[in-house]
Amino acid sequence: MVCEVSFRSKQGKTVVLRVYSDKVEVTGDFFTSEEDLEKLEKCLANGNRECNVYILGVEITELFDAVQECRKSKKD
């Protein structure tokens, strides 16, 4: 695992993000379908800021920024 980070989204939802070398896992108390969650995780793992998914309670840009920060901290 590269890193794990927990944070509160701007909308007040708890998010736990785990970044591995080849994948990203996102859990928390936000709302989305299982299919959209899988798409989101793949999208973030590929380094995409724009993901065509519906998620309630957290902005995709918040997740993307957290993934980038984890990857940056691993390089330092």
PDB file of N, CA and C in Angstrom:
ATOM      1  N   MET A   1       0.847  -1.169   0.000  1.00  0.00           N
ATOM      2  CA  MET A   1       0.000   0.000   0.000  1.00  0.00           C
ATOM      3  C   MET A   1       0.899   1.241   0.000  1.00  0.00           C
ATOM      4  N   VAL A   2       0.546   2.198  -0.840  1.00  0.00           N
ATOM      5  CA  VAL A   2       1.275   3.454  -0.889  1.00  0.00           C
ATOM      6  C   VAL A   2       0.887   4.297   0.323  1.00  0.00           C
ATOM      7  N   CYS A   3      -0.418   4.477   0.533  1.00  0.00           N
ATOM      8  CA  CYS A   3      -0.855   5.201   1.729  1.00  0.00           C
ATOM      9  C   CYS A   3      -2.347   5.017   1.962  1.00  0.00           C
ATOM     10  N   GLU A   4      -2.762   5.414   3.149  1.00  0.00           N
ATOM     11  CA  GLU A   4      -4.173   5.413   3.528  1.00  0.00           C
ATOM     12  C   GLU A   4      -4.463   6.757   4.169  1.00  0.00           C
ATOM     13  N   VAL A   5      -5.568   7.367   3.756  1.00  0.00           N
ATOM     14  CA  VAL A   5      -5.933   8.663   4.308  1.00  0.00           C
ATOM     15  C   VAL A   5      -7.426   8.663   4.612  1.00  0.00           C
ATOM     16  N   SER A   6      -7.793   9.260   5.741  1.00  0.00           N
ATOM     17  CA  SER A   6      -9.193   9.437   6.121  1.00  0.00           C
ATOM     18  C   SER A   6      -9.454  10.931   6.206  1.00  0.00           C
ATOM     19  N   PHE A   7     -10.606  11.354   5.698  1.00  0.00           N
ATOM     20  CA  PHE A   7     -10.940  12.767   5.769  1.00  0.00           C
ATOM     21  C   PHE A   7     -12.448  12.952   5.713  1.00  0.00           C
ATOM     22  N   ARG A   8     -12.874  14.166   6.065  1.00  0.00           N
ATOM     23  CA  ARG A   8     -14.279  14.554   5.960  1.00  0.00           C
ATOM     24  C   ARG A   8     -14.414  15.349   4.666  1.00  0.00           C
ATOM     25  N   SER A   9     -15.370  14.967   3.848  1.00  0.00           N
ATOM     26  CA  SER A   9     -15.601  15.686   2.601  1.00  0.00           C
ATOM     27  C   SER A   9     -16.192  17.064   2.899  1.00  0.00           C
ATOM     28  N   LYS A  10     -16.212  17.920   1.894  1.00  0.00           N
ATOM     29  CA  LYS A  10     -16.798  19.251   2.046  1.00  0.00           C
ATOM     30  C   LYS A  10     -18.275  19.155   2.427  1.00  0.00           C
ATOM     31  N   GLN A  11     -18.913  18.031   2.076  1.00  0.00           N
ATOM     32  CA  GLN A  11     -20.324  17.824   2.379  1.00  0.00           C
ATOM     33  C   GLN A  11     -20.523  17.074   3.699  1.00  0.00           C
ATOM     34  N   GLY A  12     -19.422  16.840   4.440  1.00  0.00           N
ATOM     35  CA  GLY A  12     -19.509  16.264   5.779  1.00  0.00           C
ATOM     36  C   GLY A  12     -19.483  14.753   5.862  1.00  0.00           C
ATOM     37  N   LYS A  13     -19.173  14.078   4.773  1.00  0.00           N
ATOM     38  CA  LYS A  13     -19.119  12.617   4.780  1.00  0.00           C
ATOM     39  C   LYS A  13     -17.703  12.136   5.087  1.00  0.00           C
ATOM     40  N   THR A  14     -17.598  11.027   5.805  1.00  0.00           N
ATOM     41  CA  THR A  14     -16.314  10.426   6.105  1.00  0.00           C
ATOM     42  C   THR A  14     -15.861   9.588   4.918  1.00  0.00           C
ATOM     43  N   VAL A  15     -14.593   9.752   4.540  1.00  0.00           N
ATOM     44  CA  VAL A  15     -14.031   9.024   3.407  1.00  0.00           C
ATOM     45  C   VAL A  15     -12.723   8.382   3.850  1.00  0.00           C
ATOM     46  N   VAL A  16     -12.546   7.111   3.496  1.00  0.00           N
ATOM     47  CA  VAL A  16     -11.283   6.415   3.705  1.00  0.00           C
ATOM     48  C   VAL A  16     -10.778   6.018   2.327  1.00  0.00           C
ATOM     49  N   LEU A  17      -9.583   6.465   2.010  1.00  0.00           N
ATOM     50  CA  LEU A  17      -8.996   6.239   0.702  1.00  0.00           C
ATOM     51  C   LEU A  17      -7.708   5.444   0.874  1.00  0.00           C
ATOM     52  N   ARG A  18      -7.613   4.327   0.187  1.00  0.00           N
ATOM     53  CA  ARG A  18      -6.394   3.506   0.209  1.00  0.00           C
ATOM     54  C   ARG A  18      -5.818   3.483  -1.205  1.00  0.00           C
ATOM     55  N   VAL A  19      -4.570   3.875  -1.308  1.00  0.00           N
ATOM     56  CA  VAL A  19      -3.912   3.927  -2.603  1.00  0.00           C
ATOM     57  C   VAL A  19      -2.820   2.869  -2.623  1.00  0.00           C
ATOM     58  N   TYR A  20      -2.910   1.998  -3.589  1.00  0.00           N
ATOM     59  CA  TYR A  20      -1.912   0.956  -3.827  1.00  0.00           C
ATOM     60  C   TYR A  20      -1.173   1.314  -5.106  1.00  0.00           C
ATOM     61  N   SER A  21      -0.139   0.593  -5.447  1.00  0.00           N
ATOM     62  CA  SER A  21       0.613   0.907  -6.661  1.00  0.00           C
ATOM     63  C   SER A  21      -0.232   0.751  -7.915  1.00  0.00           C
ATOM     64  N   ASP A  22      -1.200  -0.161  -7.907  1.00  0.00           N
ATOM     65  CA  ASP A  22      -1.969  -0.428  -9.124  1.00  0.00           C
ATOM     66  C   ASP A  22      -3.481  -0.239  -8.969  1.00  0.00           C
ATOM     67  N   LYS A  23      -3.944   0.157  -7.772  1.00  0.00           N
ATOM     68  CA  LYS A  23      -5.388   0.335  -7.591  1.00  0.00           C
ATOM     69  C   LYS A  23      -5.672   1.319  -6.474  1.00  0.00           C
ATOM     70  N   VAL A  24      -6.932   1.751  -6.428  1.00  0.00           N
ATOM     71  CA  VAL A  24      -7.411   2.674  -5.399  1.00  0.00           C
ATOM     72  C   VAL A  24      -8.682   2.082  -4.812  1.00  0.00           C
ATOM     73  N   GLU A  25      -8.813   2.127  -3.485  1.00  0.00           N
ATOM     74  CA  GLU A  25     -10.037   1.697  -2.803  1.00  0.00           C
ATOM     75  C   GLU A  25     -10.627   2.899  -2.082  1.00  0.00           C
ATOM     76  N   VAL A  26     -11.931   3.082  -2.226  1.00  0.00           N
ATOM     77  CA  VAL A  26     -12.629   4.192  -1.585  1.00  0.00           C
ATOM     78  C   VAL A  26     -13.772   3.621  -0.762  1.00  0.00           C
ATOM     79  N   THR A  27     -13.816   3.969   0.525  1.00  0.00           N
ATOM     80  CA  THR A  27     -14.926   3.582   1.393  1.00  0.00           C
ATOM     81  C   THR A  27     -15.353   4.800   2.193  1.00  0.00           C
ATOM     82  N   GLY A  28     -16.529   4.723   2.781  1.00  0.00           N
ATOM     83  CA  GLY A  28     -17.005   5.822   3.608  1.00  0.00           C
ATOM     84  C   GLY A  28     -18.513   5.840   3.683  1.00  0.00           C
ATOM     85  N   ASP A  29     -19.043   6.942   4.213  1.00  0.00           N
ATOM     86  CA  ASP A  29     -20.490   7.025   4.399  1.00  0.00           C
ATOM     87  C   ASP A  29     -21.171   7.877   3.325  1.00  0.00           C
ATOM     88  N   PHE A  30     -20.570   7.969   2.164  1.00  0.00           N
ATOM     89  CA  PHE A  30     -21.188   8.633   1.016  1.00  0.00           C
ATOM     90  C   PHE A  30     -22.089   7.624   0.308  1.00  0.00           C
ATOM     91  N   PHE A  31     -22.815   8.076  -0.708  1.00  0.00           N
ATOM     92  CA  PHE A  31     -23.761   7.203  -1.398  1.00  0.00           C
ATOM     93  C   PHE A  31     -23.447   7.109  -2.883  1.00  0.00           C
ATOM     94  N   THR A  32     -23.397   5.879  -3.385  1.00  0.00           N
ATOM     95  CA  THR A  32     -23.231   5.609  -4.812  1.00  0.00           C
ATOM     96  C   THR A  32     -23.552   4.138  -5.045  1.00  0.00           C
ATOM     97  N   SER A  33     -23.708   3.756  -6.284  1.00  0.00           N
ATOM     98  CA  SER A  33     -23.953   2.344  -6.585  1.00  0.00           C
ATOM     99  C   SER A  33     -22.623   1.588  -6.586  1.00  0.00           C
ATOM    100  N   GLU A  34     -22.707   0.292  -6.438  1.00  0.00           N
ATOM    101  CA  GLU A  34     -21.499  -0.547  -6.473  1.00  0.00           C
ATOM    102  C   GLU A  34     -20.795  -0.412  -7.825  1.00  0.00           C
ATOM    103  N   GLU A  35     -21.578  -0.345  -8.898  1.00  0.00           N
ATOM    104  CA  GLU A  35     -21.000  -0.199 -10.238  1.00  0.00           C
ATOM    105  C   GLU A  35     -20.247   1.120 -10.372  1.00  0.00           C
ATOM    106  N   ASP A  36     -20.861   2.215  -9.916  1.00  0.00           N
ATOM    107  CA  ASP A  36     -20.194   3.513  -9.999  1.00  0.00           C
ATOM    108  C   ASP A  36     -18.964   3.566  -9.100  1.00  0.00           C
ATOM    109  N   LEU A  37     -19.008   2.900  -7.949  1.00  0.00           N
ATOM    110  CA  LEU A  37     -17.845   2.861  -7.074  1.00  0.00           C
ATOM    111  C   LEU A  37     -16.681   2.158  -7.754  1.00  0.00           C
ATOM    112  N   GLU A  38     -16.948   1.042  -8.409  1.00  0.00           N
ATOM    113  CA  GLU A  38     -15.895   0.331  -9.137  1.00  0.00           C
ATOM    114  C   GLU A  38     -15.324   1.197 -10.261  1.00  0.00           C
ATOM    115  N   LYS A  39     -16.202   1.875 -10.997  1.00  0.00           N
ATOM    116  CA  LYS A  39     -15.750   2.772 -12.071  1.00  0.00           C
ATOM    117  C   LYS A  39     -14.902   3.898 -11.503  1.00  0.00           C
ATOM    118  N   LEU A  40     -15.348   4.463 -10.372  1.00  0.00           N
ATOM    119  CA  LEU A  40     -14.623   5.553  -9.732  1.00  0.00           C
ATOM    120  C   LEU A  40     -13.225   5.110  -9.320  1.00  0.00           C
ATOM    121  N   GLU A  41     -13.124   3.950  -8.692  1.00  0.00           N
ATOM    122  CA  GLU A  41     -11.826   3.451  -8.241  1.00  0.00           C
ATOM    123  C   GLU A  41     -10.880   3.232  -9.416  1.00  0.00           C
ATOM    124  N   LYS A  42     -11.384   2.678 -10.510  1.00  0.00           N
ATOM    125  CA  LYS A  42     -10.555   2.487 -11.706  1.00  0.00           C
ATOM    126  C   LYS A  42     -10.134   3.818 -12.299  1.00  0.00           C
ATOM    127  N   CYS A  43     -11.059   4.733 -12.355  1.00  0.00           N
ATOM    128  CA  CYS A  43     -10.793   6.059 -12.891  1.00  0.00           C
ATOM    129  C   CYS A  43      -9.693   6.754 -12.083  1.00  0.00           C
ATOM    130  N   LEU A  44      -9.804   6.729 -10.770  1.00  0.00           N
ATOM    131  CA  LEU A  44      -8.800   7.357  -9.910  1.00  0.00           C
ATOM    132  C   LEU A  44      -7.459   6.651 -10.015  1.00  0.00           C
ATOM    133  N   ALA A  45      -7.470   5.327 -10.110  1.00  0.00           N
ATOM    134  CA  ALA A  45      -6.221   4.569 -10.237  1.00  0.00           C
ATOM    135  C   ALA A  45      -5.492   4.926 -11.527  1.00  0.00           C
ATOM    136  N   ASN A  46      -6.257   5.273 -12.562  1.00  0.00           N
ATOM    137  CA  ASN A  46      -5.656   5.649 -13.845  1.00  0.00           C
ATOM    138  C   ASN A  46      -5.248   7.115 -13.894  1.00  0.00           C
ATOM    139  N   GLY A  47      -5.465   7.844 -12.807  1.00  0.00           N
ATOM    140  CA  GLY A  47      -5.050   9.236 -12.745  1.00  0.00           C
ATOM    141  C   GLY A  47      -5.988  10.213 -13.410  1.00  0.00           C
ATOM    142  N   ASN A  48      -7.247   9.821 -13.562  1.00  0.00           N
ATOM    143  CA  ASN A  48      -8.228  10.692 -14.206  1.00  0.00           C
ATOM    144  C   ASN A  48      -8.966  11.542 -13.182  1.00  0.00           C
ATOM    145  N   ARG A  49      -9.036  12.828 -13.441  1.00  0.00           N
ATOM    146  CA  ARG A  49      -9.782  13.746 -12.582  1.00  0.00           C
ATOM    147  C   ARG A  49     -11.269  13.731 -12.926  1.00  0.00           C
ATOM    148  N   GLU A  50     -11.582  13.502 -14.182  1.00  0.00           N
ATOM    149  CA  GLU A  50     -12.963  13.474 -14.657  1.00  0.00           C
ATOM    150  C   GLU A  50     -13.445  12.026 -14.726  1.00  0.00           C
ATOM    151  N   CYS A  51     -14.414  11.678 -13.911  1.00  0.00           N
ATOM    152  CA  CYS A  51     -14.959  10.324 -13.881  1.00  0.00           C
ATOM    153  C   CYS A  51     -16.471  10.429 -14.101  1.00  0.00           C
ATOM    154  N   ASN A  52     -16.996   9.664 -14.996  1.00  0.00           N
ATOM    155  CA  ASN A  52     -18.413   9.731 -15.336  1.00  0.00           C
ATOM    156  C   ASN A  52     -19.226   8.816 -14.410  1.00  0.00           C
ATOM    157  N   VAL A  53     -19.323   9.226 -13.139  1.00  0.00           N
ATOM    158  CA  VAL A  53     -20.063   8.457 -12.138  1.00  0.00           C
ATOM    159  C   VAL A  53     -20.900   9.406 -11.289  1.00  0.00           C
ATOM    160  N   TYR A  54     -21.912   8.853 -10.637  1.00  0.00           N
ATOM    161  CA  TYR A  54     -22.754   9.616  -9.721  1.00  0.00           C
ATOM    162  C   TYR A  54     -22.387   9.226  -8.296  1.00  0.00           C
ATOM    163  N   ILE A  55     -22.021  10.216  -7.509  1.00  0.00           N
ATOM    164  CA  ILE A  55     -21.662   9.970  -6.120  1.00  0.00           C
ATOM    165  C   ILE A  55     -22.224  11.116  -5.278  1.00  0.00           C
ATOM    166  N   LEU A  56     -22.856  10.797  -4.179  1.00  0.00           N
ATOM    167  CA  LEU A  56     -23.501  11.783  -3.326  1.00  0.00           C
ATOM    168  C   LEU A  56     -22.748  11.869  -2.005  1.00  0.00           C
ATOM    169  N   GLY A  57     -22.287  13.052  -1.654  1.00  0.00           N
ATOM    170  CA  GLY A  57     -21.645  13.246  -0.364  1.00  0.00           C
ATOM    171  C   GLY A  57     -20.167  13.544  -0.440  1.00  0.00           C
ATOM    172  N   VAL A  58     -19.561  13.392  -1.600  1.00  0.00           N
ATOM    173  CA  VAL A  58     -18.144  13.709  -1.763  1.00  0.00           C
ATOM    174  C   VAL A  58     -17.900  14.083  -3.222  1.00  0.00           C
ATOM    175  N   GLU A  59     -17.062  15.069  -3.431  1.00  0.00           N
ATOM    176  CA  GLU A  59     -16.734  15.488  -4.780  1.00  0.00           C
ATOM    177  C   GLU A  59     -15.575  14.655  -5.320  1.00  0.00           C
ATOM    178  N   ILE A  60     -15.648  14.311  -6.577  1.00  0.00           N
ATOM    179  CA  ILE A  60     -14.604  13.499  -7.197  1.00  0.00           C
ATOM    180  C   ILE A  60     -13.264  14.220  -7.149  1.00  0.00           C
ATOM    181  N   THR A  61     -13.281  15.529  -7.262  1.00  0.00           N
ATOM    182  CA  THR A  61     -12.018  16.272  -7.206  1.00  0.00           C
ATOM    183  C   THR A  61     -11.347  16.128  -5.837  1.00  0.00           C
ATOM    184  N   GLU A  62     -12.145  15.999  -4.773  1.00  0.00           N
ATOM    185  CA  GLU A  62     -11.568  15.767  -3.442  1.00  0.00           C
ATOM    186  C   GLU A  62     -10.831  14.429  -3.414  1.00  0.00           C
ATOM    187  N   LEU A  63     -11.450  13.420  -3.994  1.00  0.00           N
ATOM    188  CA  LEU A  63     -10.826  12.092  -4.043  1.00  0.00           C
ATOM    189  C   LEU A  63      -9.576  12.113  -4.908  1.00  0.00           C
ATOM    190  N   PHE A  64      -9.676  12.749  -6.066  1.00  0.00           N
ATOM    191  CA  PHE A  64      -8.534  12.833  -6.975  1.00  0.00           C
ATOM    192  C   PHE A  64      -7.357  13.524  -6.287  1.00  0.00           C
ATOM    193  N   ASP A  65      -7.616  14.649  -5.622  1.00  0.00           N
ATOM    194  CA  ASP A  65      -6.551  15.378  -4.928  1.00  0.00           C
ATOM    195  C   ASP A  65      -5.913  14.528  -3.834  1.00  0.00           C
ATOM    196  N   ALA A  66      -6.717  13.759  -3.113  1.00  0.00           N
ATOM    197  CA  ALA A  66      -6.177  12.886  -2.058  1.00  0.00           C
ATOM    198  C   ALA A  66      -5.301  11.789  -2.647  1.00  0.00           C
ATOM    199  N   VAL A  67      -5.703  11.221  -3.776  1.00  0.00           N
ATOM    200  CA  VAL A  67      -4.892  10.195  -4.448  1.00  0.00           C
ATOM    201  C   VAL A  67      -3.564  10.797  -4.890  1.00  0.00           C
ATOM    202  N   GLN A  68      -3.614  11.977  -5.495  1.00  0.00           N
ATOM    203  CA  GLN A  68      -2.388  12.634  -5.955  1.00  0.00           C
ATOM    204  C   GLN A  68      -1.458  12.933  -4.785  1.00  0.00           C
ATOM    205  N   GLU A  69      -2.014  13.372  -3.669  1.00  0.00           N
ATOM    206  CA  GLU A  69      -1.207  13.672  -2.488  1.00  0.00           C
ATOM    207  C   GLU A  69      -0.543  12.403  -1.941  1.00  0.00           C
ATOM    208  N   CYS A  70      -1.284  11.299  -1.939  1.00  0.00           N
ATOM    209  CA  CYS A  70      -0.704  10.033  -1.490  1.00  0.00           C
ATOM    210  C   CYS A  70       0.465   9.618  -2.390  1.00  0.00           C
ATOM    211  N   ARG A  71       0.257   9.708  -3.675  1.00  0.00           N
ATOM    212  CA  ARG A  71       1.320   9.331  -4.612  1.00  0.00           C
ATOM    213  C   ARG A  71       2.517  10.245  -4.497  1.00  0.00           C
ATOM    214  N   LYS A  72       2.272  11.517  -4.272  1.00  0.00           N
ATOM    215  CA  LYS A  72       3.366  12.492  -4.097  1.00  0.00           C
ATOM    216  C   LYS A  72       4.151  12.191  -2.828  1.00  0.00           C
ATOM    217  N   SER A  73       3.457  11.891  -1.736  1.00  0.00           N
ATOM    218  CA  SER A  73       4.130  11.621  -0.466  1.00  0.00           C
ATOM    219  C   SER A  73       4.980  10.363  -0.543  1.00  0.00           C
ATOM    220  N   LYS A  74       4.589   9.415  -1.374  1.00  0.00           N
ATOM    221  CA  LYS A  74       5.364   8.179  -1.543  1.00  0.00           C
ATOM    222  C   LYS A  74       6.691   8.476  -2.240  1.00  0.00           C
ATOM    223  N   LYS A  75       6.674   9.436  -3.166  1.00  0.00           N
ATOM    224  CA  LYS A  75       7.888   9.780  -3.916  1.00  0.00           C
ATOM    225  C   LYS A  75       8.880  10.563  -3.063  1.00  0.00           C
ATOM    226  N   ASP A  76       8.383  11.312  -2.075  1.00  0.00           N
ATOM    227  CA  ASP A  76       9.263  12.146  -1.240  1.00  0.00           C
ATOM    228  C   ASP A  76      10.115  11.337  -0.313  1.00  0.00           C
TER     229      ASP A  76
END
